[in-house]
Protein backbone atom coordinates (compact mmCIF):
# COMPACT_ATOMS: atom_id res chain seq x y z
CA MET A 1 72.96 -81.44 24.75
CA SER A 2 70.67 -81.91 27.73
CA TYR A 3 70.48 -85.33 29.41
CA PHE A 4 67.54 -84.25 31.59
CA SER A 5 64.96 -87.03 31.34
CA HIS A 6 62.40 -87.35 34.13
CA LEU A 7 61.40 -86.83 37.76
CA GLU A 8 61.08 -89.59 40.32
CA CYS A 9 60.13 -89.95 43.96
CA SER A 10 63.00 -89.68 46.43
CA VAL A 11 61.72 -92.57 48.57
CA PRO A 12 60.92 -94.22 45.99
CA CYS A 13 57.30 -95.20 46.59
CA GLY A 14 56.43 -96.92 43.33
CA ALA A 15 54.81 -93.85 41.78
CA PRO A 16 55.31 -93.53 38.01
CA LEU A 17 58.13 -91.43 36.58
CA LEU A 18 57.03 -87.90 35.76
CA ASP A 19 57.47 -85.62 32.75
CA PRO A 20 59.54 -82.54 33.69
CA ARG A 21 57.91 -80.52 30.92
CA GLU A 22 54.87 -80.39 33.20
CA ARG A 23 54.52 -78.79 36.64
CA HIS A 24 55.25 -81.11 39.54
CA PHE A 25 55.96 -80.35 43.17
CA LEU A 26 55.86 -83.17 45.74
CA CYS A 27 55.27 -86.82 44.86
CA GLU A 28 51.73 -88.12 45.41
CA CYS A 29 53.10 -89.80 48.57
CA GLY A 30 54.24 -86.43 49.92
CA ALA A 31 57.99 -86.97 49.47
CA PRO A 32 60.27 -84.65 47.49
CA LEU A 33 60.79 -85.35 43.79
CA LEU A 34 64.27 -85.61 42.27
CA ALA A 35 65.40 -84.64 38.78
CA ARG A 36 66.98 -87.52 36.89
CA TYR A 37 69.22 -87.71 33.83
CA ASP A 38 70.25 -90.30 31.27
CA LEU A 39 73.60 -90.98 32.93
CA ASN A 40 74.52 -93.79 30.51
CA GLN A 41 74.36 -91.34 27.62
CA ALA A 42 76.06 -88.68 29.73
CA ARG A 43 79.18 -90.83 29.83
CA ASN A 44 79.80 -89.40 26.35
CA TRP A 45 80.14 -85.93 27.91
CA ALA A 46 83.87 -85.37 28.43
CA ARG A 47 84.95 -83.29 31.39
CA ASP A 48 87.58 -81.64 29.16
CA SER A 49 84.67 -79.86 27.48
CA LEU A 50 84.49 -77.60 30.55
CA ARG A 51 87.62 -75.76 29.43
CA GLY A 52 86.76 -72.30 28.23
CA ARG A 53 83.21 -72.34 29.58
CA ALA A 54 81.86 -69.44 31.61
CA PRO A 55 82.85 -69.64 35.30
CA ASP A 56 79.34 -70.12 36.65
CA MET A 57 77.18 -73.06 37.68
CA TRP A 58 75.61 -73.40 34.24
CA ARG A 59 78.92 -74.72 32.90
CA TYR A 60 77.41 -78.09 33.93
CA ARG A 61 74.18 -77.53 32.04
CA GLU A 62 74.18 -80.99 30.43
CA LEU A 63 73.20 -82.37 33.86
CA MET A 64 71.00 -79.47 34.87
CA PRO A 65 67.20 -79.09 34.58
CA ILE A 66 67.23 -77.19 31.32
CA PHE A 67 66.35 -78.40 27.84
CA ASP A 68 68.02 -77.71 24.51
CA GLY A 69 67.11 -74.27 23.24
CA GLU A 70 66.35 -72.86 26.70
CA SER A 71 68.41 -70.15 28.40
CA PRO A 72 69.00 -70.08 32.16
CA VAL A 73 67.87 -67.24 34.37
CA THR A 74 71.30 -66.30 35.63
CA LEU A 75 73.06 -63.50 37.49
CA GLY A 76 76.47 -65.18 37.29
CA GLU A 77 76.02 -67.52 40.25
CA GLY A 78 78.40 -70.34 41.04
CA PHE A 79 82.05 -71.24 40.59
CA THR A 80 82.80 -69.58 43.90
CA PRO A 81 86.37 -69.68 45.24
CA LEU A 82 87.74 -72.68 47.08
CA LEU A 83 90.28 -71.04 49.37
CA HIS A 84 93.09 -72.93 51.06
CA ALA A 85 92.65 -71.53 54.57
CA ARG A 86 96.21 -72.11 55.75
CA ALA A 87 96.24 -69.74 58.70
CA LEU A 88 92.82 -70.83 59.90
CA GLY A 89 93.81 -74.47 59.53
CA ARG A 90 97.06 -73.98 61.46
CA SER A 91 95.10 -72.46 64.32
CA ILE A 92 93.37 -75.83 64.88
CA GLY A 93 96.06 -78.19 63.63
CA LEU A 94 94.77 -78.91 60.11
CA GLU A 95 97.00 -78.84 57.04
CA ARG A 96 94.35 -78.93 54.33
CA LEU A 97 91.40 -76.85 55.46
CA TYR A 98 89.52 -75.16 52.62
CA ILE A 99 86.68 -72.65 52.61
CA LYS A 100 84.12 -72.84 49.81
CA ASP A 101 83.04 -69.20 49.95
CA GLU A 102 79.42 -69.02 48.86
CA SER A 103 79.10 -65.44 50.12
CA LEU A 104 80.41 -64.29 46.73
CA ASN A 105 77.28 -65.45 44.93
CA PRO A 106 74.65 -62.89 43.83
CA THR A 107 72.59 -61.74 46.83
CA ASN A 108 75.48 -62.80 49.10
CA SER A 109 74.65 -66.48 49.65
CA PHE A 110 74.44 -70.02 48.27
CA LYS A 111 70.69 -69.56 47.84
CA ALA A 112 71.39 -67.96 44.47
CA ARG A 113 72.23 -71.37 43.02
CA GLY A 114 68.94 -73.00 43.95
CA GLN A 115 66.79 -70.08 42.91
CA SER A 116 68.54 -69.73 39.56
CA ALA A 117 67.68 -73.35 38.74
CA ALA A 118 64.17 -73.30 40.22
CA ILE A 119 63.13 -70.04 38.60
CA THR A 120 64.61 -71.06 35.25
CA ARG A 121 62.36 -74.13 35.28
CA ALA A 122 59.39 -72.12 36.60
CA LYS A 123 59.74 -69.64 33.74
CA TYR A 124 59.58 -72.37 31.09
CA LEU A 125 56.68 -74.02 32.89
CA GLY A 126 54.66 -70.85 32.44
CA ALA A 127 54.80 -69.45 35.97
CA ARG A 128 53.82 -65.83 36.48
CA THR A 129 54.26 -65.46 40.24
CA ILE A 130 56.93 -67.08 42.42
CA SER A 131 56.08 -67.72 46.07
CA LEU A 132 58.03 -68.96 49.08
CA PRO A 133 58.51 -68.78 52.83
CA THR A 134 62.00 -67.73 53.88
CA ALA A 135 64.25 -67.03 56.83
CA GLY A 136 66.05 -64.42 54.73
CA ASN A 137 68.60 -65.35 52.08
CA ALA A 138 66.34 -67.63 50.04
CA GLY A 139 63.80 -64.83 49.79
CA ASN A 140 66.47 -62.38 48.67
CA ALA A 141 67.62 -64.77 45.95
CA ALA A 142 64.08 -65.62 44.85
CA ALA A 143 63.22 -61.94 44.58
CA ALA A 144 66.34 -61.19 42.53
CA TYR A 145 65.92 -64.10 40.12
CA SER A 146 62.20 -63.47 39.75
CA SER A 147 63.03 -59.93 38.73
CA ALA A 148 65.62 -61.19 36.24
CA ALA A 149 63.02 -63.57 34.80
CA GLY A 150 60.30 -60.91 34.60
CA LEU A 151 58.13 -62.70 37.17
CA ALA A 152 56.29 -61.41 40.23
CA CYS A 153 57.48 -62.63 43.63
CA GLU A 154 55.63 -63.13 46.92
CA VAL A 155 57.85 -63.58 49.97
CA PHE A 156 56.61 -64.71 53.40
CA ILE A 157 59.11 -64.03 56.18
CA PRO A 158 58.97 -64.13 60.01
CA LYS A 159 58.42 -60.73 61.59
CA ASP A 160 61.56 -61.04 63.68
CA ALA A 161 63.82 -61.59 60.65
CA LYS A 162 66.66 -59.13 60.32
CA ARG A 163 65.72 -55.90 58.58
CA PRO A 164 68.32 -56.25 55.78
CA PHE A 165 66.61 -59.45 54.60
CA VAL A 166 63.22 -57.75 54.39
CA ASP A 167 64.61 -54.64 52.69
CA GLU A 168 66.57 -56.61 50.10
CA CYS A 169 63.47 -58.53 49.04
CA ARG A 170 61.73 -55.22 48.46
CA LEU A 171 64.76 -53.86 46.62
CA TYR A 172 64.17 -56.46 43.89
CA GLY A 173 60.48 -55.68 43.67
CA ALA A 174 59.05 -58.55 45.72
CA ASN A 175 55.88 -58.21 47.78
CA VAL A 176 56.79 -59.06 51.38
CA THR A 177 54.36 -60.47 53.96
CA LEU A 178 55.60 -60.45 57.57
CA VAL A 179 54.41 -63.47 59.54
CA ASP A 180 54.07 -64.12 63.28
CA GLY A 181 56.11 -67.21 64.09
CA LEU A 182 58.80 -69.30 62.39
CA ILE A 183 59.52 -70.25 58.78
CA THR A 184 57.10 -73.19 59.15
CA ASP A 185 54.33 -70.71 59.95
CA ALA A 186 55.36 -68.61 56.96
CA GLY A 187 55.18 -71.74 54.82
CA ARG A 188 51.62 -72.49 55.88
CA LEU A 189 50.48 -68.95 55.07
CA ALA A 190 52.31 -68.95 51.72
CA ALA A 191 50.54 -72.19 50.75
CA GLU A 192 47.13 -70.93 51.86
CA ARG A 193 47.42 -67.78 49.77
CA GLY A 194 49.33 -69.17 46.84
CA LYS A 195 47.60 -72.42 45.97
CA PRO A 196 44.22 -70.93 44.96
CA ARG A 197 46.03 -68.22 42.96
CA GLY A 198 48.28 -70.61 41.05
CA TRP A 199 51.52 -69.17 42.42
CA TYR A 200 54.61 -71.27 41.71
CA ASP A 201 55.92 -72.48 45.06
CA VAL A 202 59.72 -72.67 45.36
CA SER A 203 59.76 -73.74 49.03
CA THR A 204 62.70 -75.88 50.08
CA LEU A 205 62.37 -79.38 48.57
CA LYS A 206 58.71 -78.82 47.68
CA GLU A 207 59.80 -78.47 44.07
CA PRO A 208 62.55 -80.54 42.40
CA TYR A 209 64.93 -77.91 41.12
CA ARG A 210 66.54 -75.97 43.94
CA ILE A 211 68.44 -79.18 44.70
CA GLU A 212 69.84 -79.10 41.16
CA GLY A 213 71.29 -75.64 41.63
CA LYS A 214 72.82 -76.58 44.97
CA LYS A 215 74.32 -79.83 43.65
CA THR A 216 76.68 -77.80 41.47
CA MET A 217 78.71 -77.08 44.61
CA ALA A 218 79.86 -80.72 44.41
CA TYR A 219 80.70 -80.43 40.71
CA GLU A 220 82.82 -77.39 41.50
CA LEU A 221 84.57 -79.12 44.39
CA ALA A 222 85.51 -81.99 42.10
CA GLU A 223 86.84 -79.66 39.44
CA GLN A 224 88.66 -77.35 41.87
CA LEU A 225 90.30 -80.29 43.69
CA GLU A 226 91.44 -81.77 40.36
CA TRP A 227 88.90 -84.58 40.33
CA ARG A 228 89.41 -85.98 43.80
CA TRP A 229 87.01 -85.85 46.72
CA PRO A 230 87.95 -84.25 50.03
CA GLU A 231 87.74 -86.44 53.12
CA TRP A 232 85.23 -84.13 54.82
CA VAL A 233 82.47 -81.72 53.81
CA VAL A 234 81.17 -79.64 56.71
CA TYR A 235 77.86 -78.02 55.94
CA PRO A 236 75.48 -75.76 57.93
CA THR A 237 72.07 -77.41 57.67
CA GLY A 238 68.65 -75.81 57.87
CA GLY A 239 66.41 -77.14 55.12
CA GLY A 240 69.32 -79.25 53.90
CA THR A 241 68.96 -78.77 50.15
CA GLY A 242 72.69 -78.34 49.68
CA MET A 243 73.52 -81.49 51.60
CA VAL A 244 70.98 -83.50 49.61
CA GLY A 245 72.07 -81.98 46.32
CA MET A 246 75.77 -82.65 46.82
CA TRP A 247 75.16 -86.26 47.85
CA LYS A 248 73.13 -86.67 44.65
CA ALA A 249 75.91 -85.07 42.61
CA PHE A 250 78.60 -87.37 43.97
CA GLU A 251 76.76 -90.33 42.46
CA GLU A 252 76.17 -88.54 39.14
CA ILE A 253 79.83 -87.58 38.81
CA GLU A 254 80.98 -91.12 39.53
CA ARG A 255 78.44 -92.70 37.19
CA ILE A 256 79.46 -90.55 34.21
CA GLY A 257 83.08 -91.46 34.85
CA TRP A 258 84.52 -88.08 35.82
CA ILE A 259 85.83 -89.47 39.09
CA ALA A 260 86.69 -93.14 39.55
CA ARG A 261 84.68 -94.68 42.37
CA GLN A 262 86.46 -93.89 45.63
CA ALA A 263 85.56 -92.99 49.19
CA ARG A 264 83.11 -90.12 49.06
CA PRO A 265 83.41 -87.19 51.47
CA ARG A 266 82.13 -87.76 54.97
CA MET A 267 79.28 -85.32 55.39
CA VAL A 268 78.90 -83.29 58.58
CA SER A 269 75.55 -81.63 59.24
CA VAL A 270 75.96 -78.56 61.47
CA GLN A 271 72.99 -77.08 63.30
CA ALA A 272 72.25 -74.58 66.06
CA GLU A 273 72.15 -75.86 69.62
CA ASN A 274 68.60 -74.53 70.08
CA CYS A 275 67.33 -75.82 66.73
CA ALA A 276 68.97 -79.16 66.04
CA PRO A 277 66.38 -81.66 64.80
CA ILE A 278 68.84 -83.42 62.47
CA VAL A 279 71.51 -83.72 65.16
CA ARG A 280 68.99 -85.17 67.62
CA ALA A 281 67.62 -87.66 65.07
CA PHE A 282 71.15 -88.70 64.09
CA GLU A 283 72.16 -89.30 67.68
CA GLN A 284 68.96 -91.25 68.37
CA GLY A 285 69.37 -93.41 65.27
CA ARG A 286 66.11 -92.22 63.75
CA GLU A 287 65.34 -92.03 60.03
CA ARG A 288 63.13 -88.96 60.47
CA ALA A 289 63.55 -85.88 62.65
CA GLU A 290 60.87 -84.78 65.05
CA PRO A 291 59.98 -81.05 64.81
CA TRP A 292 62.03 -78.91 67.19
CA GLU A 293 59.91 -77.04 69.71
CA GLY A 294 60.82 -73.45 70.59
CA ALA A 295 63.43 -73.09 67.85
CA ARG A 296 65.68 -70.08 68.31
CA THR A 297 69.11 -69.05 67.04
CA ILE A 298 70.88 -65.98 65.69
CA ALA A 299 71.59 -67.93 62.48
CA ASP A 300 68.40 -67.37 60.48
CA GLY A 301 69.29 -70.06 57.96
CA LEU A 302 69.50 -72.66 60.73
CA ARG A 303 66.19 -71.78 62.37
CA VAL A 304 64.28 -74.55 60.58
CA PRO A 305 62.40 -76.68 63.13
CA ARG A 306 61.47 -79.30 60.56
CA ALA A 307 63.03 -80.11 57.19
CA ILE A 308 60.81 -81.89 54.65
CA GLY A 309 63.89 -83.72 53.39
CA ASP A 310 65.09 -84.80 56.84
CA PHE A 311 65.36 -88.45 55.81
CA LEU A 312 67.50 -87.50 52.80
CA ILE A 313 69.86 -85.42 54.97
CA LEU A 314 70.20 -88.23 57.51
CA ARG A 315 70.74 -90.74 54.73
CA ALA A 316 73.64 -88.70 53.30
CA VAL A 317 75.26 -88.29 56.71
CA ARG A 318 75.01 -91.98 57.60
CA GLU A 319 75.91 -93.44 54.20
CA SER A 320 78.99 -91.21 54.06
CA GLY A 321 80.18 -92.18 57.54
CA GLY A 322 79.77 -88.60 58.65
CA THR A 323 78.25 -87.03 61.73
CA ALA A 324 76.05 -84.21 63.00
CA VAL A 325 77.12 -81.41 65.35
CA ALA A 326 75.22 -78.71 67.25
CA VAL A 327 76.85 -75.34 67.98
CA ASP A 328 75.70 -72.63 70.38
CA ASP A 329 75.11 -69.05 69.23
CA ARG A 330 77.99 -67.51 71.17
CA SER A 331 80.43 -69.91 69.54
CA MET A 332 79.04 -69.11 66.07
CA VAL A 333 79.91 -65.43 66.53
CA ALA A 334 83.37 -66.37 67.76
CA GLY A 335 83.71 -68.53 64.65
CA MET A 336 82.73 -65.64 62.39
CA LEU A 337 85.40 -63.46 63.98
CA THR A 338 88.05 -66.17 63.80
CA ILE A 339 87.43 -66.79 60.09
CA GLY A 340 87.54 -63.06 59.38
CA LYS A 341 90.70 -62.52 61.42
CA HIS A 342 92.65 -65.41 59.92
CA GLU A 343 91.45 -65.43 56.31
CA GLY A 344 89.72 -62.15 55.48
CA VAL A 345 86.53 -64.03 54.61
CA SER A 346 83.11 -62.57 55.42
CA ALA A 347 81.29 -65.40 57.17
CA ALA A 348 77.68 -65.48 58.32
CA PRO A 349 76.86 -67.24 61.61
CA GLU A 350 76.21 -70.42 59.63
CA GLY A 351 79.81 -70.36 58.38
CA GLY A 352 80.99 -69.60 61.90
CA ALA A 353 79.08 -72.64 63.12
CA ALA A 354 80.74 -74.84 60.50
CA PHE A 355 84.18 -73.71 61.68
CA VAL A 356 83.35 -74.44 65.32
CA ALA A 357 82.16 -77.91 64.33
CA ILE A 358 85.46 -78.55 62.53
CA GLN A 359 87.37 -77.27 65.54
CA GLN A 360 85.49 -79.69 67.81
CA LEU A 361 85.94 -82.67 65.50
CA ALA A 362 89.65 -81.95 65.09
CA ALA A 363 90.09 -81.65 68.87
CA ARG A 364 88.43 -85.07 69.32
CA GLY A 365 90.66 -86.62 66.70
CA THR A 366 87.72 -87.41 64.44
CA ILE A 367 89.23 -85.22 61.73
CA LYS A 368 92.92 -86.01 61.25
CA PRO A 369 95.56 -83.26 60.69
CA HIS A 370 96.41 -84.38 57.13
CA GLU A 371 92.83 -84.82 55.86
CA THR A 372 91.25 -82.46 53.33
CA VAL A 373 88.33 -80.63 54.92
CA VAL A 374 85.94 -78.26 53.14
CA LEU A 375 84.08 -75.71 55.23
CA PHE A 376 81.03 -74.32 53.48
CA ASN A 377 80.55 -70.64 54.22
CA THR A 378 77.01 -70.42 52.93
CA GLY A 379 76.60 -66.65 53.22
CA GLY A 380 78.28 -63.40 54.13
CA ALA A 381 78.41 -61.38 57.35
CA LEU A 382 77.06 -58.09 56.00
CA LYS A 383 73.46 -58.79 57.04
CA TYR A 384 74.66 -59.90 60.49
CA LEU A 385 77.18 -57.24 61.50
CA ASP A 386 75.02 -56.19 64.44
CA LEU A 387 75.88 -59.52 66.10
CA LEU A 388 79.50 -58.47 66.41
CA ASN A 389 78.59 -55.66 68.79
CA HIS A 390 77.16 -57.82 71.54
CA ASN A 391 77.37 -61.30 72.97
CA PRO A 392 74.27 -63.39 72.15
C-alpha cells in the first residue's frame, strides 16, 4: 500500500499542508515542497518484504510518490551496483572505499531516478508537456521518460553544452532550445515559455518529486550495506537534489525502524573550483549560498551557479558533521582516469571530482583508513571522452 500523504514546505513557513493529487510546485513562500508519508503506519512495512522484488528503485514504492492502482513510468532505473573499490582504496590508504555506480542507470546517469518519479507524478496529474532547463543529463533523462510516458518534452540547454547531450535529447523526441548563457538563463527562458502554455516544469527542486527518486539511493545503500550506514557519503553537487533526497531518506528509514538510530553518514558536498557556491557558503558559515559569478567547469552537472535548495544542502552537510570540497578541472580528469584504471568504472568528471575530494580528505586524516566511504559516480564518461585527449 502507499503511505504517501501530503506535501509540506521545506522551511517550514507555516503554510498549510497540500494535497498531492493536485499540481503543486514551490511553496507560496518560494521554498521547495517536500513529499511526506505516514511514517507511523509505515512501521508496519517489513523490510523483509523486499525479498523477491524487482531490482529497481520502485521496490520501495510504499514510500514513493505513487498511489495505489498507479503504475510508475520506469525504464528499469535504480538498484545500481555498490562496488567495493579495493584497488582504488589501496591507492589512497582506504580499506572500505565503495563506488555507487549511477552510470548504469538508463540514459547513463543518476538523473534517471528523479525523472522517473517526477514524470510518473506528472502523468497522473494530467500533464501533456514536460519542460526543464538542463546542463545535459537531466534533459536526457526527462526526454527518455517523457517518451516512455507518451508526453511531449521541451528541453532548454546552454549552447555550449556538449553535443552528445543535445543529440540524446533529440533521440528521444524532445524539442531542444539552445540558450545563450548558463543553466540559470535556460531556466528563465523555460519558465517564460512554459508557464503561459501550461507546461509541467520539472526543474531541480521546483517540483517535489525528483527528490523522491534520488532518495532511493539511500534506501539502496542501507540494503546493500546490510542495514548499516557508511561513515561517509561523498557526493558531487550541482543542484543538490541527491544530497537533499538522501538526507531525507535517512530519517524515513530510521523512523520506520529499518535501521536503529545510529550515527548517520557524514555528507561531503563536492563542487568545481570555478563554480563552488555551496563550498564558499559552508566555509563562510552562511545558511544560503550567493550566486557564483562567471561559473565555468568541464563538469556540466556542477556548473550550477545557484541552487534553489542551497539551504537544504548546507543543512545536510552541517547536521551530518560533513564538509564541502572544491576540485579543479584538471584534477577531475585525473580522477576519471584513476577510477577507470583501478576499477574499470566509467566515471564522468563529477565522479572524478568525488574521488579527488576523498583523496584530499584521506590525506588530511579527516577520513580514517578503516572507515566506510561511498563515492557517488553520478554518471558515465561516454559523453565526456573528448576530455581525455587534452588537459583542461
